[in-house]
Amino acid sequence: MSNLTKAIQDLEDQKRRIDAALKILRDLNHNGHVSTTGTRNISTEGRRRIAEAQRRRWAKARAAAAAKK
């Protein structure tokens, strides 16, 4: 293999690695995690159920903390 052919092959390999790294970086979302499905939309009812469940968990945790005192 001539020096020129070797140089071209090395540059093409480097380009493939750079393209792969760029694809990964473009796929990252704002939190640094790879986005697999895009954004998810939660209905108002679903958001309300989640909030209510979290309030129950907080109340349970506060009750447990108060019982320890």
PDB file of N, CA and C in Angstrom:
ATOM      1  N   MET A   1       0.856  -1.171   0.000  1.00  0.00           N
ATOM      2  CA  MET A   1       0.000   0.000   0.000  1.00  0.00           C
ATOM      3  C   MET A   1       0.902   1.235   0.000  1.00  0.00           C
ATOM      4  N   SER A   2       0.596   2.154  -0.884  1.00  0.00           N
ATOM      5  CA  SER A   2       1.419   3.358  -0.968  1.00  0.00           C
ATOM      6  C   SER A   2       1.074   4.290   0.192  1.00  0.00           C
ATOM      7  N   ASN A   3       1.968   5.238   0.429  1.00  0.00           N
ATOM      8  CA  ASN A   3       1.755   6.202   1.508  1.00  0.00           C
ATOM      9  C   ASN A   3       0.483   7.005   1.291  1.00  0.00           C
ATOM     10  N   LEU A   4       0.205   7.365   0.044  1.00  0.00           N
ATOM     11  CA  LEU A   4      -0.987   8.143  -0.256  1.00  0.00           C
ATOM     12  C   LEU A   4      -2.254   7.322   0.009  1.00  0.00           C
ATOM     13  N   THR A   5      -2.254   6.073  -0.407  1.00  0.00           N
ATOM     14  CA  THR A   5      -3.402   5.196  -0.166  1.00  0.00           C
ATOM     15  C   THR A   5      -3.610   4.988   1.327  1.00  0.00           C
ATOM     16  N   LYS A   6      -2.524   4.797   2.055  1.00  0.00           N
ATOM     17  CA  LYS A   6      -2.599   4.619   3.512  1.00  0.00           C
ATOM     18  C   LYS A   6      -3.156   5.884   4.177  1.00  0.00           C
ATOM     19  N   ALA A   7      -2.707   7.039   3.742  1.00  0.00           N
ATOM     20  CA  ALA A   7      -3.183   8.310   4.305  1.00  0.00           C
ATOM     21  C   ALA A   7      -4.679   8.484   4.050  1.00  0.00           C
ATOM     22  N   ILE A   8      -5.104   8.149   2.829  1.00  0.00           N
ATOM     23  CA  ILE A   8      -6.530   8.259   2.497  1.00  0.00           C
ATOM     24  C   ILE A   8      -7.346   7.311   3.372  1.00  0.00           C
ATOM     25  N   GLN A   9      -6.895   6.084   3.528  1.00  0.00           N
ATOM     26  CA  GLN A   9      -7.601   5.105   4.348  1.00  0.00           C
ATOM     27  C   GLN A   9      -7.686   5.575   5.808  1.00  0.00           C
ATOM     28  N   ASP A  10      -6.589   6.107   6.325  1.00  0.00           N
ATOM     29  CA  ASP A  10      -6.578   6.612   7.704  1.00  0.00           C
ATOM     30  C   ASP A  10      -7.567   7.764   7.882  1.00  0.00           C
ATOM     31  N   LEU A  11      -7.607   8.671   6.915  1.00  0.00           N
ATOM     32  CA  LEU A  11      -8.533   9.801   6.987  1.00  0.00           C
ATOM     33  C   LEU A  11      -9.989   9.330   6.909  1.00  0.00           C
ATOM     34  N   GLU A  12     -10.265   8.332   6.065  1.00  0.00           N
ATOM     35  CA  GLU A  12     -11.625   7.802   5.971  1.00  0.00           C
ATOM     36  C   GLU A  12     -12.034   7.120   7.274  1.00  0.00           C
ATOM     37  N   ASP A  13     -11.117   6.391   7.906  1.00  0.00           N
ATOM     38  CA  ASP A  13     -11.404   5.769   9.197  1.00  0.00           C
ATOM     39  C   ASP A  13     -11.682   6.831  10.260  1.00  0.00           C
ATOM     40  N   GLN A  14     -10.872   7.874  10.261  1.00  0.00           N
ATOM     41  CA  GLN A  14     -11.052   8.962  11.227  1.00  0.00           C
ATOM     42  C   GLN A  14     -12.391   9.660  10.986  1.00  0.00           C
ATOM     43  N   LYS A  15     -12.772   9.861   9.729  1.00  0.00           N
ATOM     44  CA  LYS A  15     -14.051  10.489   9.397  1.00  0.00           C
ATOM     45  C   LYS A  15     -15.207   9.640   9.906  1.00  0.00           C
ATOM     46  N   ARG A  16     -15.130   8.320   9.766  1.00  0.00           N
ATOM     47  CA  ARG A  16     -16.194   7.438  10.259  1.00  0.00           C
ATOM     48  C   ARG A  16     -16.336   7.559  11.775  1.00  0.00           C
ATOM     49  N   ARG A  17     -15.202   7.616  12.490  1.00  0.00           N
ATOM     50  CA  ARG A  17     -15.242   7.757  13.945  1.00  0.00           C
ATOM     51  C   ARG A  17     -15.841   9.109  14.347  1.00  0.00           C
ATOM     52  N   ILE A  18     -15.450  10.168  13.648  1.00  0.00           N
ATOM     53  CA  ILE A  18     -15.984  11.500  13.942  1.00  0.00           C
ATOM     54  C   ILE A  18     -17.480  11.548  13.654  1.00  0.00           C
ATOM     55  N   ASP A  19     -17.914  10.980  12.532  1.00  0.00           N
ATOM     56  CA  ASP A  19     -19.340  10.957  12.192  1.00  0.00           C
ATOM     57  C   ASP A  19     -20.136  10.197  13.255  1.00  0.00           C
ATOM     58  N   ALA A  20     -19.594   9.091  13.750  1.00  0.00           N
ATOM     59  CA  ALA A  20     -20.286   8.322  14.792  1.00  0.00           C
ATOM     60  C   ALA A  20     -20.380   9.134  16.081  1.00  0.00           C
ATOM     61  N   ALA A  21     -19.312   9.830  16.433  1.00  0.00           N
ATOM     62  CA  ALA A  21     -19.324  10.655  17.645  1.00  0.00           C
ATOM     63  C   ALA A  21     -20.312  11.810  17.498  1.00  0.00           C
ATOM     64  N   LEU A  22     -20.364  12.428  16.330  1.00  0.00           N
ATOM     65  CA  LEU A  22     -21.309  13.519  16.089  1.00  0.00           C
ATOM     66  C   LEU A  22     -22.750  13.033  16.180  1.00  0.00           C
ATOM     67  N   LYS A  23     -23.022  11.836  15.672  1.00  0.00           N
ATOM     68  CA  LYS A  23     -24.375  11.288  15.747  1.00  0.00           C
ATOM     69  C   LYS A  23     -24.785  11.094  17.201  1.00  0.00           C
ATOM     70  N   ILE A  24     -23.892  10.571  18.020  1.00  0.00           N
ATOM     71  CA  ILE A  24     -24.196  10.368  19.439  1.00  0.00           C
ATOM     72  C   ILE A  24     -24.470  11.706  20.112  1.00  0.00           C
ATOM     73  N   LEU A  25     -23.639  12.690  19.836  1.00  0.00           N
ATOM     74  CA  LEU A  25     -23.830  14.008  20.440  1.00  0.00           C
ATOM     75  C   LEU A  25     -25.145  14.649  20.001  1.00  0.00           C
ATOM     76  N   ARG A  26     -25.500  14.467  18.746  1.00  0.00           N
ATOM     77  CA  ARG A  26     -26.770  15.036  18.265  1.00  0.00           C
ATOM     78  C   ARG A  26     -27.966  14.342  18.900  1.00  0.00           C
ATOM     79  N   ASP A  27     -27.812  13.050  19.240  1.00  0.00           N
ATOM     80  CA  ASP A  27     -28.906  12.294  19.841  1.00  0.00           C
ATOM     81  C   ASP A  27     -29.083  12.588  21.324  1.00  0.00           C
ATOM     82  N   LEU A  28     -28.109  13.259  21.926  1.00  0.00           N
ATOM     83  CA  LEU A  28     -28.236  13.567  23.353  1.00  0.00           C
ATOM     84  C   LEU A  28     -29.307  14.625  23.562  1.00  0.00           C
ATOM     85  N   ASN A  29     -30.104  14.429  24.613  1.00  0.00           N
ATOM     86  CA  ASN A  29     -31.059  15.477  24.939  1.00  0.00           C
ATOM     87  C   ASN A  29     -30.428  16.424  25.946  1.00  0.00           C
ATOM     88  N   HIS A  30     -31.176  17.345  26.472  1.00  0.00           N
ATOM     89  CA  HIS A  30     -30.625  18.384  27.334  1.00  0.00           C
ATOM     90  C   HIS A  30     -30.115  17.859  28.661  1.00  0.00           C
ATOM     91  N   ASN A  31     -30.548  16.691  29.082  1.00  0.00           N
ATOM     92  CA  ASN A  31     -30.104  16.141  30.359  1.00  0.00           C
ATOM     93  C   ASN A  31     -28.882  15.255  30.224  1.00  0.00           C
ATOM     94  N   GLY A  32     -28.384  15.129  29.043  1.00  0.00           N
ATOM     95  CA  GLY A  32     -27.210  14.293  28.853  1.00  0.00           C
ATOM     96  C   GLY A  32     -27.548  12.829  28.635  1.00  0.00           C
ATOM     97  N   HIS A  33     -28.797  12.513  28.409  1.00  0.00           N
ATOM     98  CA  HIS A  33     -29.212  11.151  28.158  1.00  0.00           C
ATOM     99  C   HIS A  33     -29.585  11.010  26.697  1.00  0.00           C
ATOM    100  N   VAL A  34     -29.386   9.833  26.186  1.00  0.00           N
ATOM    101  CA  VAL A  34     -29.744   9.599  24.798  1.00  0.00           C
ATOM    102  C   VAL A  34     -31.249   9.518  24.685  1.00  0.00           C
ATOM    103  N   SER A  35     -31.794  10.292  23.803  1.00  0.00           N
ATOM    104  CA  SER A  35     -33.232  10.301  23.571  1.00  0.00           C
ATOM    105  C   SER A  35     -33.577   9.146  22.655  1.00  0.00           C
ATOM    106  N   THR A  36     -34.456   8.259  23.117  1.00  0.00           N
ATOM    107  CA  THR A  36     -34.801   7.102  22.296  1.00  0.00           C
ATOM    108  C   THR A  36     -36.137   7.256  21.607  1.00  0.00           C
ATOM    109  N   THR A  37     -37.085   7.949  22.239  1.00  0.00           N
ATOM    110  CA  THR A  37     -38.413   8.044  21.656  1.00  0.00           C
ATOM    111  C   THR A  37     -38.865   9.483  21.448  1.00  0.00           C
ATOM    112  N   GLY A  38     -38.058  10.433  21.751  1.00  0.00           N
ATOM    113  CA  GLY A  38     -38.472  11.820  21.627  1.00  0.00           C
ATOM    114  C   GLY A  38     -39.219  12.258  22.875  1.00  0.00           C
ATOM    115  N   THR A  39     -40.065  13.250  22.730  1.00  0.00           N
ATOM    116  CA  THR A  39     -40.780  13.764  23.889  1.00  0.00           C
ATOM    117  C   THR A  39     -42.055  12.966  24.097  1.00  0.00           C
ATOM    118  N   ARG A  40     -42.473  12.891  25.353  1.00  0.00           N
ATOM    119  CA  ARG A  40     -43.719  12.207  25.686  1.00  0.00           C
ATOM    120  C   ARG A  40     -44.703  13.246  26.188  1.00  0.00           C
ATOM    121  N   ASN A  41     -45.928  13.115  25.764  1.00  0.00           N
ATOM    122  CA  ASN A  41     -46.978  14.028  26.195  1.00  0.00           C
ATOM    123  C   ASN A  41     -47.828  13.326  27.234  1.00  0.00           C
ATOM    124  N   ILE A  42     -48.031  13.962  28.369  1.00  0.00           N
ATOM    125  CA  ILE A  42     -48.859  13.416  29.424  1.00  0.00           C
ATOM    126  C   ILE A  42     -50.126  14.251  29.491  1.00  0.00           C
ATOM    127  N   SER A  43     -51.249  13.563  29.573  1.00  0.00           N
ATOM    128  CA  SER A  43     -52.519  14.279  29.648  1.00  0.00           C
ATOM    129  C   SER A  43     -52.627  14.979  30.996  1.00  0.00           C
ATOM    130  N   THR A  44     -53.552  15.911  31.065  1.00  0.00           N
ATOM    131  CA  THR A  44     -53.797  16.631  32.314  1.00  0.00           C
ATOM    132  C   THR A  44     -54.216  15.655  33.401  1.00  0.00           C
ATOM    133  N   GLU A  45     -55.051  14.696  33.059  1.00  0.00           N
ATOM    134  CA  GLU A  45     -55.507  13.687  34.024  1.00  0.00           C
ATOM    135  C   GLU A  45     -54.328  12.836  34.517  1.00  0.00           C
ATOM    136  N   GLY A  46     -53.469  12.437  33.601  1.00  0.00           N
ATOM    137  CA  GLY A  46     -52.302  11.648  33.986  1.00  0.00           C
ATOM    138  C   GLY A  46     -51.373  12.436  34.900  1.00  0.00           C
ATOM    139  N   ARG A  47     -51.160  13.695  34.593  1.00  0.00           N
ATOM    140  CA  ARG A  47     -50.316  14.555  35.426  1.00  0.00           C
ATOM    141  C   ARG A  47     -50.924  14.713  36.819  1.00  0.00           C
ATOM    142  N   ARG A  48     -52.274  14.843  36.880  1.00  0.00           N
ATOM    143  CA  ARG A  48     -52.961  14.968  38.163  1.00  0.00           C
ATOM    144  C   ARG A  48     -52.795  13.696  39.005  1.00  0.00           C
ATOM    145  N   ARG A  49     -52.915  12.532  38.359  1.00  0.00           N
ATOM    146  CA  ARG A  49     -52.758  11.265  39.084  1.00  0.00           C
ATOM    147  C   ARG A  49     -51.341  11.110  39.629  1.00  0.00           C
ATOM    148  N   ILE A  50     -50.367  11.481  38.825  1.00  0.00           N
ATOM    149  CA  ILE A  50     -48.973  11.389  39.270  1.00  0.00           C
ATOM    150  C   ILE A  50     -48.728  12.320  40.446  1.00  0.00           C
ATOM    151  N   ALA A  51     -49.251  13.544  40.369  1.00  0.00           N
ATOM    152  CA  ALA A  51     -49.068  14.519  41.448  1.00  0.00           C
ATOM    153  C   ALA A  51     -49.730  14.024  42.728  1.00  0.00           C
ATOM    154  N   GLU A  52     -50.921  13.475  42.629  1.00  0.00           N
ATOM    155  CA  GLU A  52     -51.626  12.978  43.809  1.00  0.00           C
ATOM    156  C   GLU A  52     -50.878  11.798  44.435  1.00  0.00           C
ATOM    157  N   ALA A  53     -50.363  10.908  43.610  1.00  0.00           N
ATOM    158  CA  ALA A  53     -49.592   9.772  44.128  1.00  0.00           C
ATOM    159  C   ALA A  53     -48.340  10.268  44.843  1.00  0.00           C
ATOM    160  N   GLN A  54     -47.687  11.295  44.291  1.00  0.00           N
ATOM    161  CA  GLN A  54     -46.485  11.838  44.935  1.00  0.00           C
ATOM    162  C   GLN A  54     -46.844  12.495  46.264  1.00  0.00           C
ATOM    163  N   ARG A  55     -47.957  13.194  46.312  1.00  0.00           N
ATOM    164  CA  ARG A  55     -48.397  13.803  47.583  1.00  0.00           C
ATOM    165  C   ARG A  55     -48.629  12.733  48.649  1.00  0.00           C
ATOM    166  N   ARG A  56     -49.223  11.600  48.244  1.00  0.00           N
ATOM    167  CA  ARG A  56     -49.427  10.506  49.199  1.00  0.00           C
ATOM    168  C   ARG A  56     -48.095   9.953  49.698  1.00  0.00           C
ATOM    169  N   ARG A  57     -47.114   9.820  48.774  1.00  0.00           N
ATOM    170  CA  ARG A  57     -45.787   9.327  49.186  1.00  0.00           C
ATOM    171  C   ARG A  57     -45.133  10.296  50.164  1.00  0.00           C
ATOM    172  N   TRP A  58     -45.239  11.599  49.900  1.00  0.00           N
ATOM    173  CA  TRP A  58     -44.651  12.598  50.804  1.00  0.00           C
ATOM    174  C   TRP A  58     -45.315  12.548  52.174  1.00  0.00           C
ATOM    175  N   ALA A  59     -46.648  12.421  52.168  1.00  0.00           N
ATOM    176  CA  ALA A  59     -47.367  12.347  53.445  1.00  0.00           C
ATOM    177  C   ALA A  59     -46.937  11.111  54.230  1.00  0.00           C
ATOM    178  N   LYS A  60     -46.768  10.010  53.550  1.00  0.00           N
ATOM    179  CA  LYS A  60     -46.332   8.775  54.199  1.00  0.00           C
ATOM    180  C   LYS A  60     -44.918   8.948  54.775  1.00  0.00           C
ATOM    181  N   ALA A  61     -44.047   9.588  54.027  1.00  0.00           N
ATOM    182  CA  ALA A  61     -42.669   9.805  54.485  1.00  0.00           C
ATOM    183  C   ALA A  61     -42.668  10.748  55.695  1.00  0.00           C
ATOM    184  N   ARG A  62     -43.497  11.808  55.654  1.00  0.00           N
ATOM    185  CA  ARG A  62     -43.572  12.724  56.804  1.00  0.00           C
ATOM    186  C   ARG A  62     -44.107  12.016  58.030  1.00  0.00           C
ATOM    187  N   ALA A  63     -45.097  11.148  57.849  1.00  0.00           N
ATOM    188  CA  ALA A  63     -45.657  10.407  58.981  1.00  0.00           C
ATOM    189  C   ALA A  63     -44.615   9.458  59.576  1.00  0.00           C
ATOM    190  N   ALA A  64     -43.837   8.825  58.726  1.00  0.00           N
ATOM    191  CA  ALA A  64     -42.794   7.912  59.207  1.00  0.00           C
ATOM    192  C   ALA A  64     -41.719   8.696  59.959  1.00  0.00           C
ATOM    193  N   ALA A  65     -41.367   9.879  59.462  1.00  0.00           N
ATOM    194  CA  ALA A  65     -40.348  10.696  60.123  1.00  0.00           C
ATOM    195  C   ALA A  65     -40.873  11.187  61.483  1.00  0.00           C
ATOM    196  N   ALA A  66     -42.147  11.545  61.542  1.00  0.00           N
ATOM    197  CA  ALA A  66     -42.729  12.025  62.797  1.00  0.00           C
ATOM    198  C   ALA A  66     -42.810  10.889  63.806  1.00  0.00           C
ATOM    199  N   ALA A  67     -43.048   9.669  63.336  1.00  0.00           N
ATOM    200  CA  ALA A  67     -43.143   8.527  64.244  1.00  0.00           C
ATOM    201  C   ALA A  67     -41.796   8.179  64.851  1.00  0.00           C
ATOM    202  N   LYS A  68     -40.718   8.471  64.150  1.00  0.00           N
ATOM    203  CA  LYS A  68     -39.375   8.179  64.657  1.00  0.00           C
ATOM    204  C   LYS A  68     -38.968   9.143  65.768  1.00  0.00           C
ATOM    205  N   LYS A  69     -39.553  10.325  65.793  1.00  0.00           N
ATOM    206  CA  LYS A  69     -39.166  11.351  66.796  1.00  0.00           C
ATOM    207  C   LYS A  69     -39.704  11.039  68.131  1.00  0.00           C
TER     208      LYS A  69
END
